[in-house]
């Protein structure tokens, strides 16, 4: 589990750093390398660490998985916006409540479909055994 999570974190962080650097270059945004690395680390922590742990290895209940992933995602959104562009954050800040509610709703929907998909896979595996 730890080895897989380290690999997921490293891959996700590297891809995010490259993606943010390209995005900043295309937009002509002169970001410092530390901001780019910071955003890459945030993406790696959330999508390469927190989400894989919660959805694959955690023994918490569904409600706690959804709440923890939603709170982490909202925190990521805020920090990433602040690192990318404080001016953009000021422009988007009035809509944080709306995006937070949407984030929670999407986590509910995605969790429902993910668990349904996982249950179907388990049923297929069990049917093949017998």
Protein backbone atom coordinates (compact mmCIF):
# COMPACT_ATOMS: atom_id res chain seq x y z
CA UNK A 1 0.00 0.00 0.00
CA UNK A 2 2.72 2.50 0.98
CA UNK A 3 4.78 1.71 -2.11
CA UNK A 4 1.75 2.22 -4.37
CA UNK A 5 0.83 5.49 -2.66
CA UNK A 6 4.42 6.81 -2.96
CA UNK A 7 4.37 6.00 -6.67
CA UNK A 8 0.95 7.65 -7.14
CA UNK A 9 2.10 10.75 -5.24
CA UNK A 10 5.34 11.07 -7.23
CA UNK A 11 3.67 10.60 -10.61
CA UNK A 12 0.81 12.95 -9.85
CA UNK A 13 3.12 15.64 -8.48
CA UNK A 14 5.46 15.50 -11.47
CA UNK A 15 2.65 15.62 -14.00
CA UNK A 16 1.00 18.52 -12.13
CA UNK A 17 4.27 20.51 -12.00
CA UNK A 18 4.77 20.05 -15.75
CA UNK A 19 1.12 20.91 -16.46
CA UNK A 20 1.12 24.07 -14.30
CA UNK A 21 4.45 25.21 -15.77
CA UNK A 22 3.08 24.80 -19.30
CA UNK A 23 -0.16 26.54 -18.39
CA UNK A 24 1.70 29.47 -16.81
CA UNK A 25 4.00 29.71 -19.85
CA UNK A 26 1.10 29.72 -22.30
CA UNK A 27 -0.71 32.42 -20.31
CA UNK A 28 2.44 34.50 -19.94
CA UNK A 29 2.15 34.31 -16.16
CA UNK A 30 5.60 34.75 -14.62
CA UNK A 31 5.21 32.47 -11.61
CA UNK A 32 8.13 31.59 -9.40
CA UNK A 33 9.30 28.00 -9.49
CA UNK A 34 8.32 27.64 -5.83
CA UNK A 35 4.70 28.45 -6.58
CA UNK A 36 4.66 25.91 -9.40
CA UNK A 37 6.21 23.28 -7.14
CA UNK A 38 3.74 24.20 -4.38
CA UNK A 39 0.75 23.68 -6.66
CA UNK A 40 2.27 20.42 -7.90
CA UNK A 41 2.72 19.22 -4.31
CA UNK A 42 -0.87 20.14 -3.46
CA UNK A 43 -2.14 18.17 -6.45
CA UNK A 44 0.11 15.26 -5.48
CA UNK A 45 -1.09 15.27 -1.88
CA UNK A 46 -4.78 15.42 -2.78
CA UNK A 47 -5.00 13.28 -5.93
CA UNK A 48 -1.98 11.05 -5.29
CA UNK A 49 -2.33 10.61 -1.54
CA UNK A 50 -5.61 11.56 0.09
CA UNK A 51 -8.02 10.31 -2.58
CA UNK A 52 -6.34 6.94 -3.21
CA UNK A 53 -6.17 6.31 0.53
CA UNK A 54 -9.79 7.28 1.17
CA UNK A 55 -11.30 5.43 -1.77
CA UNK A 56 -9.14 2.28 -1.75
CA UNK A 57 -7.67 1.65 1.69
CA UNK A 58 -9.68 3.56 4.28
CA UNK A 59 -12.07 1.68 6.56
CA UNK A 60 -14.05 4.78 7.45
CA UNK A 61 -17.69 4.96 6.51
CA UNK A 62 -18.91 6.46 3.27
CA UNK A 63 -20.09 9.67 4.91
CA UNK A 64 -16.66 10.30 6.44
CA UNK A 65 -14.89 9.58 3.15
CA UNK A 66 -17.10 12.08 1.38
CA UNK A 67 -16.71 14.76 4.07
CA UNK A 68 -12.92 14.36 4.34
CA UNK A 69 -12.40 14.37 0.57
CA UNK A 70 -14.67 17.39 0.15
CA UNK A 71 -12.91 19.41 2.86
CA UNK A 72 -9.48 18.50 1.46
CA UNK A 73 -10.59 19.38 -2.06
CA UNK A 74 -11.97 22.77 -1.00
CA UNK A 75 -8.77 23.52 0.90
CA UNK A 76 -6.79 22.52 -2.19
CA UNK A 77 -8.88 24.83 -4.37
CA UNK A 78 -8.26 27.79 -2.10
CA UNK A 79 -4.52 27.19 -1.68
CA UNK A 80 -3.97 26.46 -5.37
CA UNK A 81 -5.80 29.64 -6.40
CA UNK A 82 -3.79 31.68 -3.92
CA UNK A 83 -0.54 30.21 -5.21
CA UNK A 84 -1.46 30.57 -8.86
CA UNK A 85 -2.77 34.12 -8.70
CA UNK A 86 -3.91 36.12 -5.66
CA UNK A 87 -5.83 38.43 -8.03
CA UNK A 88 -7.73 35.46 -9.47
CA UNK A 89 -8.54 34.33 -5.94
CA UNK A 90 -9.97 37.75 -5.08
CA UNK A 91 -12.13 37.57 -8.19
CA UNK A 92 -13.41 34.05 -7.42
CA UNK A 93 -13.66 34.35 -3.59
CA UNK A 94 -17.32 35.48 -3.56
CA UNK A 95 -18.27 32.20 -5.26
CA UNK A 96 -16.48 29.86 -2.82
CA UNK A 97 -19.72 28.88 -1.07
CA UNK A 98 -21.27 27.88 -4.39
CA UNK A 99 -18.21 25.91 -5.48
CA UNK A 100 -18.06 24.24 -2.06
CA UNK A 101 -21.66 23.05 -2.33
CA UNK A 102 -21.02 21.86 -5.88
CA UNK A 103 -17.88 20.04 -4.74
CA UNK A 104 -19.83 18.26 -2.00
CA UNK A 105 -22.60 17.31 -4.43
CA UNK A 106 -20.15 15.98 -6.99
CA UNK A 107 -18.36 13.93 -4.33
CA UNK A 108 -21.69 12.38 -3.35
CA UNK A 109 -22.56 11.52 -6.95
CA UNK A 110 -19.11 10.21 -7.84
CA UNK A 111 -18.93 8.11 -4.66
CA UNK A 112 -22.31 6.56 -5.45
CA UNK A 113 -21.31 5.59 -9.00
CA UNK A 114 -17.83 4.46 -7.92
CA UNK A 115 -19.23 2.15 -5.23
CA UNK A 116 -21.83 0.82 -7.66
CA UNK A 117 -19.07 0.06 -10.18
CA UNK A 118 -16.92 -1.59 -7.49
CA UNK A 119 -19.85 -3.73 -6.32
CA UNK A 120 -20.50 -4.91 -9.87
CA UNK A 121 -16.84 -5.91 -10.24
CA UNK A 122 -16.98 -7.85 -6.96
CA UNK A 123 -20.17 -9.62 -8.06
CA UNK A 124 -18.47 -10.67 -11.34
CA UNK A 125 -15.45 -11.99 -9.43
CA UNK A 126 -17.64 -13.91 -7.00
CA UNK A 127 -19.72 -15.39 -9.81
CA UNK A 128 -16.57 -16.58 -11.58
CA UNK A 129 -15.40 -18.36 -8.43
CA UNK A 130 -18.54 -20.43 -8.09
